[in-house]
Amino acid sequence: MWLPKVWENFYLGTKEKAEMGDDHGWTYPDRGVIFLREDVYEGLRLNRGRDRFTAAHELGHFVLHDNPLARSFRSSENLEVFRDSEWQADNFAGEFLMPVEVVRKYPDAYILAAECGVSEIAASVRISELRKERML
């Protein structure tokens, strides 16, 4: 794994579904730790698109946020969408797994999903967002 070379004390671990419940991942940037739910980690190992996106989303939290409770601050009605830590992590994952140059080459959700190893839903959202931003 390359992250320990970048972040010396980085740790990627798993936790059981019984402990994590509906959460697919927990990230503690201040401690250099990401936990994935066991089934999500297994899906990542098997290259399942949804689980790859989840792992990239958690990596986004790790890279972008220094507060392990950033998620709890997102529900403010006055918060601009781009300040929402979940939106930021989703966008990081989208760009990380589906760079705009690749989306331009494969602007069909089915093909983009196959090329980038993500779910068709994630590919569709990425295409839609780039079209809204007039980048496609």
N, C-alpha and C. Protein backbone atom coordinates (compact mmCIF):
# COMPACT_ATOMS: atom_id res chain seq x y z
N MET A 1 0.84 -1.17 0.00
CA MET A 1 0.00 0.00 0.00
C MET A 1 0.89 1.24 0.00
N TRP A 2 0.55 2.24 -0.79
CA TRP A 2 1.40 3.42 -0.94
C TRP A 2 1.16 4.47 0.12
N LEU A 3 0.00 4.51 0.77
CA LEU A 3 -0.27 5.57 1.74
C LEU A 3 0.72 5.65 2.89
N PRO A 4 1.20 4.53 3.44
CA PRO A 4 2.18 4.67 4.52
C PRO A 4 3.45 5.39 4.08
N LYS A 5 3.76 5.36 2.81
CA LYS A 5 4.93 6.08 2.32
C LYS A 5 4.69 7.58 2.30
N VAL A 6 3.42 7.97 2.16
CA VAL A 6 3.05 9.38 2.16
C VAL A 6 2.74 9.84 3.58
N TRP A 7 1.97 9.04 4.30
CA TRP A 7 1.61 9.31 5.69
C TRP A 7 2.17 8.18 6.54
N GLU A 8 3.26 8.46 7.20
CA GLU A 8 4.04 7.44 7.90
C GLU A 8 3.21 6.57 8.84
N ASN A 9 2.30 7.14 9.57
CA ASN A 9 1.54 6.37 10.56
C ASN A 9 0.15 5.99 10.09
N PHE A 10 -0.08 6.01 8.78
CA PHE A 10 -1.40 5.68 8.24
C PHE A 10 -1.78 4.24 8.56
N TYR A 11 -3.07 4.05 8.87
CA TYR A 11 -3.58 2.70 9.14
C TYR A 11 -4.95 2.55 8.49
N LEU A 12 -5.11 1.50 7.70
CA LEU A 12 -6.40 1.13 7.13
C LEU A 12 -6.83 -0.15 7.81
N GLY A 13 -7.96 -0.09 8.49
CA GLY A 13 -8.44 -1.26 9.20
C GLY A 13 -9.90 -1.54 8.88
N THR A 14 -10.39 -2.62 9.43
CA THR A 14 -11.79 -3.00 9.23
C THR A 14 -12.47 -3.14 10.59
N LYS A 15 -13.78 -3.00 10.54
CA LYS A 15 -14.61 -3.23 11.72
C LYS A 15 -15.83 -4.02 11.26
N GLU A 16 -16.41 -4.74 12.18
CA GLU A 16 -17.57 -5.56 11.86
C GLU A 16 -18.81 -4.69 11.65
N LYS A 17 -19.73 -5.22 10.87
CA LYS A 17 -20.99 -4.53 10.59
C LYS A 17 -21.75 -4.28 11.88
N ALA A 18 -21.67 -5.19 12.83
CA ALA A 18 -22.36 -5.03 14.11
C ALA A 18 -21.89 -3.76 14.82
N GLU A 19 -20.63 -3.41 14.66
CA GLU A 19 -20.10 -2.21 15.31
C GLU A 19 -20.38 -0.95 14.49
N MET A 20 -20.28 -1.04 13.17
CA MET A 20 -20.41 0.14 12.32
C MET A 20 -21.84 0.41 11.88
N GLY A 21 -22.70 -0.58 11.97
CA GLY A 21 -24.09 -0.37 11.56
C GLY A 21 -24.20 -0.03 10.09
N ASP A 22 -24.92 1.06 9.79
CA ASP A 22 -25.12 1.48 8.41
C ASP A 22 -23.95 2.27 7.83
N ASP A 23 -23.00 2.64 8.67
CA ASP A 23 -21.83 3.38 8.19
C ASP A 23 -20.91 2.45 7.42
N HIS A 24 -20.47 2.89 6.27
CA HIS A 24 -19.57 2.07 5.45
C HIS A 24 -18.11 2.34 5.76
N GLY A 25 -17.83 3.53 6.29
CA GLY A 25 -16.45 3.88 6.63
C GLY A 25 -16.40 4.93 7.71
N TRP A 26 -15.32 4.90 8.46
CA TRP A 26 -15.04 5.93 9.47
C TRP A 26 -13.62 6.41 9.23
N THR A 27 -13.44 7.71 9.23
CA THR A 27 -12.12 8.28 9.00
C THR A 27 -11.74 9.20 10.15
N TYR A 28 -10.52 9.03 10.62
CA TYR A 28 -9.97 9.84 11.70
C TYR A 28 -8.66 10.45 11.21
N PRO A 29 -8.75 11.57 10.48
CA PRO A 29 -7.54 12.16 9.90
C PRO A 29 -6.51 12.55 10.97
N ASP A 30 -7.00 12.96 12.12
CA ASP A 30 -6.09 13.38 13.19
C ASP A 30 -5.25 12.23 13.73
N ARG A 31 -5.72 10.99 13.53
CA ARG A 31 -4.98 9.81 13.98
C ARG A 31 -4.37 9.04 12.81
N GLY A 32 -4.66 9.45 11.59
CA GLY A 32 -4.13 8.75 10.42
C GLY A 32 -4.79 7.41 10.18
N VAL A 33 -6.10 7.32 10.47
CA VAL A 33 -6.79 6.03 10.44
C VAL A 33 -8.06 6.11 9.59
N ILE A 34 -8.25 5.08 8.77
CA ILE A 34 -9.52 4.85 8.07
C ILE A 34 -9.96 3.44 8.41
N PHE A 35 -11.22 3.31 8.83
CA PHE A 35 -11.82 2.00 9.03
C PHE A 35 -12.90 1.81 7.98
N LEU A 36 -12.90 0.67 7.33
CA LEU A 36 -13.98 0.29 6.43
C LEU A 36 -14.73 -0.87 7.07
N ARG A 37 -16.04 -0.87 6.85
CA ARG A 37 -16.82 -2.00 7.32
C ARG A 37 -16.32 -3.25 6.59
N GLU A 38 -16.28 -4.38 7.25
CA GLU A 38 -15.69 -5.60 6.67
C GLU A 38 -16.23 -5.94 5.30
N ASP A 39 -17.54 -5.84 5.11
CA ASP A 39 -18.10 -6.18 3.80
C ASP A 39 -17.68 -5.17 2.73
N VAL A 40 -17.49 -3.92 3.11
CA VAL A 40 -17.03 -2.91 2.17
C VAL A 40 -15.57 -3.18 1.79
N TYR A 41 -14.76 -3.51 2.78
CA TYR A 41 -13.36 -3.84 2.50
C TYR A 41 -13.26 -5.06 1.57
N GLU A 42 -14.08 -6.05 1.83
CA GLU A 42 -14.08 -7.24 0.97
C GLU A 42 -14.49 -6.86 -0.45
N GLY A 43 -15.50 -5.99 -0.57
CA GLY A 43 -15.92 -5.51 -1.88
C GLY A 43 -14.83 -4.72 -2.59
N LEU A 44 -14.08 -3.95 -1.82
CA LEU A 44 -12.94 -3.21 -2.37
C LEU A 44 -11.91 -4.19 -2.92
N ARG A 45 -11.62 -5.22 -2.16
CA ARG A 45 -10.66 -6.23 -2.61
C ARG A 45 -11.14 -6.93 -3.88
N LEU A 46 -12.47 -7.08 -4.01
CA LEU A 46 -13.06 -7.74 -5.18
C LEU A 46 -13.32 -6.75 -6.32
N ASN A 47 -12.92 -5.49 -6.11
CA ASN A 47 -13.05 -4.46 -7.14
C ASN A 47 -14.49 -4.07 -7.43
N ARG A 48 -15.37 -4.14 -6.44
CA ARG A 48 -16.76 -3.71 -6.63
C ARG A 48 -16.81 -2.19 -6.65
N GLY A 49 -17.48 -1.66 -7.65
CA GLY A 49 -17.51 -0.22 -7.89
C GLY A 49 -17.99 0.60 -6.71
N ARG A 50 -19.08 0.20 -6.10
CA ARG A 50 -19.61 0.97 -4.97
C ARG A 50 -18.62 1.02 -3.82
N ASP A 51 -17.96 -0.09 -3.57
CA ASP A 51 -17.01 -0.15 -2.46
C ASP A 51 -15.72 0.60 -2.78
N ARG A 52 -15.33 0.61 -4.05
CA ARG A 52 -14.18 1.43 -4.46
C ARG A 52 -14.48 2.91 -4.24
N PHE A 53 -15.72 3.31 -4.57
CA PHE A 53 -16.12 4.70 -4.37
C PHE A 53 -16.13 5.04 -2.88
N THR A 54 -16.64 4.13 -2.06
CA THR A 54 -16.65 4.35 -0.61
C THR A 54 -15.24 4.55 -0.08
N ALA A 55 -14.31 3.71 -0.50
CA ALA A 55 -12.92 3.83 -0.05
C ALA A 55 -12.33 5.17 -0.50
N ALA A 56 -12.61 5.58 -1.73
CA ALA A 56 -12.11 6.87 -2.23
C ALA A 56 -12.77 8.03 -1.47
N HIS A 57 -14.04 7.88 -1.13
CA HIS A 57 -14.75 8.88 -0.34
C HIS A 57 -14.08 9.05 1.02
N GLU A 58 -13.76 7.95 1.68
CA GLU A 58 -13.09 8.02 2.98
C GLU A 58 -11.69 8.61 2.84
N LEU A 59 -11.00 8.28 1.76
CA LEU A 59 -9.71 8.89 1.49
C LEU A 59 -9.86 10.40 1.34
N GLY A 60 -10.96 10.82 0.70
CA GLY A 60 -11.24 12.25 0.58
C GLY A 60 -11.35 12.91 1.94
N HIS A 61 -12.08 12.28 2.87
CA HIS A 61 -12.15 12.83 4.23
C HIS A 61 -10.75 12.91 4.84
N PHE A 62 -9.97 11.87 4.62
CA PHE A 62 -8.62 11.81 5.20
C PHE A 62 -7.75 12.95 4.69
N VAL A 63 -7.82 13.21 3.39
CA VAL A 63 -6.97 14.22 2.77
C VAL A 63 -7.50 15.64 3.01
N LEU A 64 -8.81 15.80 2.98
CA LEU A 64 -9.40 17.13 3.01
C LEU A 64 -9.75 17.66 4.39
N HIS A 65 -9.99 16.78 5.33
CA HIS A 65 -10.53 17.21 6.61
C HIS A 65 -9.62 16.81 7.77
N ASP A 66 -9.48 17.70 8.71
CA ASP A 66 -8.66 17.36 9.87
C ASP A 66 -9.51 17.11 11.11
N ASN A 67 -10.81 17.23 10.97
CA ASN A 67 -11.70 17.04 12.10
C ASN A 67 -12.46 15.72 11.94
N PRO A 68 -12.28 14.76 12.86
CA PRO A 68 -12.97 13.48 12.72
C PRO A 68 -14.48 13.60 12.84
N LEU A 69 -14.98 14.72 13.33
CA LEU A 69 -16.42 14.90 13.48
C LEU A 69 -16.99 15.82 12.40
N ALA A 70 -16.26 16.03 11.33
CA ALA A 70 -16.69 16.95 10.27
C ALA A 70 -18.08 16.59 9.76
N ARG A 71 -18.38 15.31 9.70
CA ARG A 71 -19.68 14.86 9.20
C ARG A 71 -20.83 15.39 10.04
N SER A 72 -20.62 15.52 11.34
CA SER A 72 -21.71 15.94 12.22
C SER A 72 -22.08 17.40 12.02
N PHE A 73 -21.23 18.17 11.35
CA PHE A 73 -21.51 19.58 11.14
C PHE A 73 -22.26 19.85 9.83
N ARG A 74 -22.54 18.84 9.06
CA ARG A 74 -23.05 19.05 7.71
C ARG A 74 -24.53 19.38 7.62
N SER A 75 -25.29 19.22 8.68
CA SER A 75 -26.74 19.36 8.56
C SER A 75 -27.24 20.78 8.72
N SER A 76 -26.36 21.75 8.85
CA SER A 76 -26.79 23.13 9.00
C SER A 76 -27.52 23.60 7.75
N GLU A 77 -28.68 24.20 7.94
CA GLU A 77 -29.46 24.68 6.81
C GLU A 77 -28.78 25.84 6.09
N ASN A 78 -27.93 26.57 6.79
CA ASN A 78 -27.27 27.73 6.20
C ASN A 78 -25.95 27.39 5.54
N LEU A 79 -25.58 26.13 5.53
CA LEU A 79 -24.30 25.70 4.98
C LEU A 79 -24.37 25.61 3.46
N GLU A 80 -23.45 26.33 2.79
CA GLU A 80 -23.39 26.20 1.33
C GLU A 80 -22.96 24.78 1.00
N VAL A 81 -23.50 24.23 -0.07
CA VAL A 81 -23.26 22.82 -0.41
C VAL A 81 -21.77 22.50 -0.50
N PHE A 82 -20.97 23.40 -1.06
CA PHE A 82 -19.55 23.11 -1.24
C PHE A 82 -18.78 23.07 0.08
N ARG A 83 -19.40 23.54 1.17
CA ARG A 83 -18.77 23.47 2.49
C ARG A 83 -19.13 22.19 3.23
N ASP A 84 -20.03 21.41 2.69
CA ASP A 84 -20.47 20.16 3.30
C ASP A 84 -19.37 19.11 3.14
N SER A 85 -18.89 18.56 4.24
CA SER A 85 -17.78 17.60 4.19
C SER A 85 -18.14 16.35 3.39
N GLU A 86 -19.39 15.94 3.42
CA GLU A 86 -19.80 14.76 2.65
C GLU A 86 -19.78 15.07 1.15
N TRP A 87 -20.25 16.24 0.78
CA TRP A 87 -20.21 16.67 -0.62
C TRP A 87 -18.75 16.73 -1.08
N GLN A 88 -17.88 17.29 -0.24
CA GLN A 88 -16.47 17.39 -0.59
C GLN A 88 -15.85 16.01 -0.80
N ALA A 89 -16.14 15.08 0.11
CA ALA A 89 -15.58 13.73 -0.01
C ALA A 89 -16.12 13.01 -1.24
N ASP A 90 -17.40 13.19 -1.54
CA ASP A 90 -17.97 12.59 -2.76
C ASP A 90 -17.31 13.15 -4.01
N ASN A 91 -17.10 14.46 -4.04
CA ASN A 91 -16.47 15.07 -5.21
C ASN A 91 -15.01 14.65 -5.34
N PHE A 92 -14.32 14.53 -4.23
CA PHE A 92 -12.95 14.02 -4.26
C PHE A 92 -12.95 12.62 -4.87
N ALA A 93 -13.84 11.76 -4.39
CA ALA A 93 -13.90 10.38 -4.90
C ALA A 93 -14.21 10.36 -6.39
N GLY A 94 -15.15 11.21 -6.81
CA GLY A 94 -15.50 11.27 -8.22
C GLY A 94 -14.33 11.67 -9.09
N GLU A 95 -13.61 12.70 -8.67
CA GLU A 95 -12.45 13.17 -9.45
C GLU A 95 -11.31 12.17 -9.38
N PHE A 96 -11.11 11.56 -8.23
CA PHE A 96 -10.04 10.58 -8.04
C PHE A 96 -10.24 9.35 -8.92
N LEU A 97 -11.47 8.85 -8.97
CA LEU A 97 -11.75 7.63 -9.72
C LEU A 97 -12.16 7.88 -11.17
N MET A 98 -12.70 9.07 -11.44
CA MET A 98 -13.20 9.39 -12.78
C MET A 98 -12.74 10.80 -13.17
N PRO A 99 -11.45 10.96 -13.46
CA PRO A 99 -10.96 12.29 -13.84
C PRO A 99 -11.72 12.84 -15.04
N VAL A 100 -11.84 14.14 -15.11
CA VAL A 100 -12.63 14.77 -16.16
C VAL A 100 -12.17 14.35 -17.55
N GLU A 101 -10.87 14.16 -17.74
CA GLU A 101 -10.36 13.75 -19.06
C GLU A 101 -10.91 12.37 -19.46
N VAL A 102 -11.06 11.49 -18.49
CA VAL A 102 -11.59 10.16 -18.76
C VAL A 102 -13.08 10.24 -19.03
N VAL A 103 -13.78 11.07 -18.27
CA VAL A 103 -15.23 11.23 -18.49
C VAL A 103 -15.48 11.80 -19.87
N ARG A 104 -14.66 12.71 -20.32
CA ARG A 104 -14.81 13.26 -21.68
C ARG A 104 -14.62 12.17 -22.73
N LYS A 105 -13.74 11.24 -22.45
CA LYS A 105 -13.48 10.15 -23.39
C LYS A 105 -14.62 9.12 -23.39
N TYR A 106 -15.25 8.92 -22.22
CA TYR A 106 -16.33 7.93 -22.07
C TYR A 106 -17.55 8.58 -21.42
N PRO A 107 -18.28 9.43 -22.14
CA PRO A 107 -19.40 10.15 -21.53
C PRO A 107 -20.69 9.34 -21.40
N ASP A 108 -20.60 8.05 -21.50
CA ASP A 108 -21.75 7.15 -21.30
C ASP A 108 -21.56 6.46 -19.95
N ALA A 109 -22.58 6.51 -19.09
CA ALA A 109 -22.46 5.99 -17.72
C ALA A 109 -22.06 4.52 -17.67
N TYR A 110 -22.63 3.72 -18.53
CA TYR A 110 -22.33 2.29 -18.53
C TYR A 110 -20.85 2.05 -18.86
N ILE A 111 -20.37 2.72 -19.89
CA ILE A 111 -18.97 2.55 -20.33
C ILE A 111 -18.01 3.16 -19.31
N LEU A 112 -18.35 4.36 -18.81
CA LEU A 112 -17.50 5.01 -17.81
C LEU A 112 -17.38 4.15 -16.56
N ALA A 113 -18.48 3.56 -16.12
CA ALA A 113 -18.45 2.69 -14.94
C ALA A 113 -17.50 1.52 -15.15
N ALA A 114 -17.58 0.92 -16.32
CA ALA A 114 -16.71 -0.22 -16.62
C ALA A 114 -15.24 0.21 -16.71
N GLU A 115 -14.98 1.33 -17.34
CA GLU A 115 -13.61 1.81 -17.51
C GLU A 115 -12.96 2.23 -16.19
N CYS A 116 -13.77 2.81 -15.29
CA CYS A 116 -13.22 3.36 -14.04
C CYS A 116 -13.45 2.48 -12.83
N GLY A 117 -14.16 1.39 -13.00
CA GLY A 117 -14.39 0.49 -11.87
C GLY A 117 -15.27 1.08 -10.79
N VAL A 118 -16.30 1.79 -11.21
CA VAL A 118 -17.26 2.37 -10.27
C VAL A 118 -18.65 1.87 -10.62
N SER A 119 -19.62 2.20 -9.78
CA SER A 119 -20.99 1.80 -10.09
C SER A 119 -21.53 2.68 -11.22
N GLU A 120 -22.54 2.19 -11.90
CA GLU A 120 -23.16 2.96 -12.96
C GLU A 120 -23.82 4.22 -12.39
N ILE A 121 -24.32 4.14 -11.18
CA ILE A 121 -24.93 5.30 -10.53
C ILE A 121 -23.86 6.38 -10.31
N ALA A 122 -22.70 6.00 -9.77
CA ALA A 122 -21.63 6.98 -9.54
C ALA A 122 -21.19 7.61 -10.86
N ALA A 123 -21.08 6.80 -11.90
CA ALA A 123 -20.69 7.32 -13.21
C ALA A 123 -21.74 8.29 -13.74
N SER A 124 -22.99 7.95 -13.58
CA SER A 124 -24.08 8.82 -14.03
C SER A 124 -24.07 10.15 -13.30
N VAL A 125 -23.87 10.10 -12.00
CA VAL A 125 -23.81 11.34 -11.20
C VAL A 125 -22.63 12.19 -11.66
N ARG A 126 -21.49 11.57 -11.86
CA ARG A 126 -20.28 12.31 -12.29
C ARG A 126 -20.52 13.00 -13.63
N ILE A 127 -21.10 12.28 -14.58
CA ILE A 127 -21.40 12.86 -15.89
C ILE A 127 -22.36 14.03 -15.74
N SER A 128 -23.40 13.83 -14.97
CA SER A 128 -24.41 14.88 -14.76
C SER A 128 -23.80 16.12 -14.13
N GLU A 129 -22.96 15.94 -13.12
CA GLU A 129 -22.32 17.08 -12.45
C GLU A 129 -21.41 17.84 -13.40
N LEU A 130 -20.64 17.10 -14.19
CA LEU A 130 -19.74 17.77 -15.14
C LEU A 130 -20.53 18.52 -16.22
N ARG A 131 -21.66 17.98 -16.60
CA ARG A 131 -22.50 18.68 -17.59
C ARG A 131 -23.06 19.96 -16.98
N LYS A 132 -23.49 19.89 -15.71
CA LYS A 132 -24.01 21.08 -15.03
C LYS A 132 -22.94 22.17 -14.96
N GLU A 133 -21.70 21.75 -14.75
CA GLU A 133 -20.57 22.68 -14.65
C GLU A 133 -20.05 23.08 -16.03
N ARG A 134 -20.67 22.54 -17.08
CA ARG A 134 -20.29 22.81 -18.47
C ARG A 134 -18.86 22.41 -18.77
N MET A 135 -18.47 21.30 -18.14
CA MET A 135 -17.13 20.75 -18.40
C MET A 135 -17.19 19.59 -19.38
N LEU A 136 -18.40 19.22 -19.77
CA LEU A 136 -18.62 18.18 -20.79
C LEU A 136 -19.41 18.77 -21.93
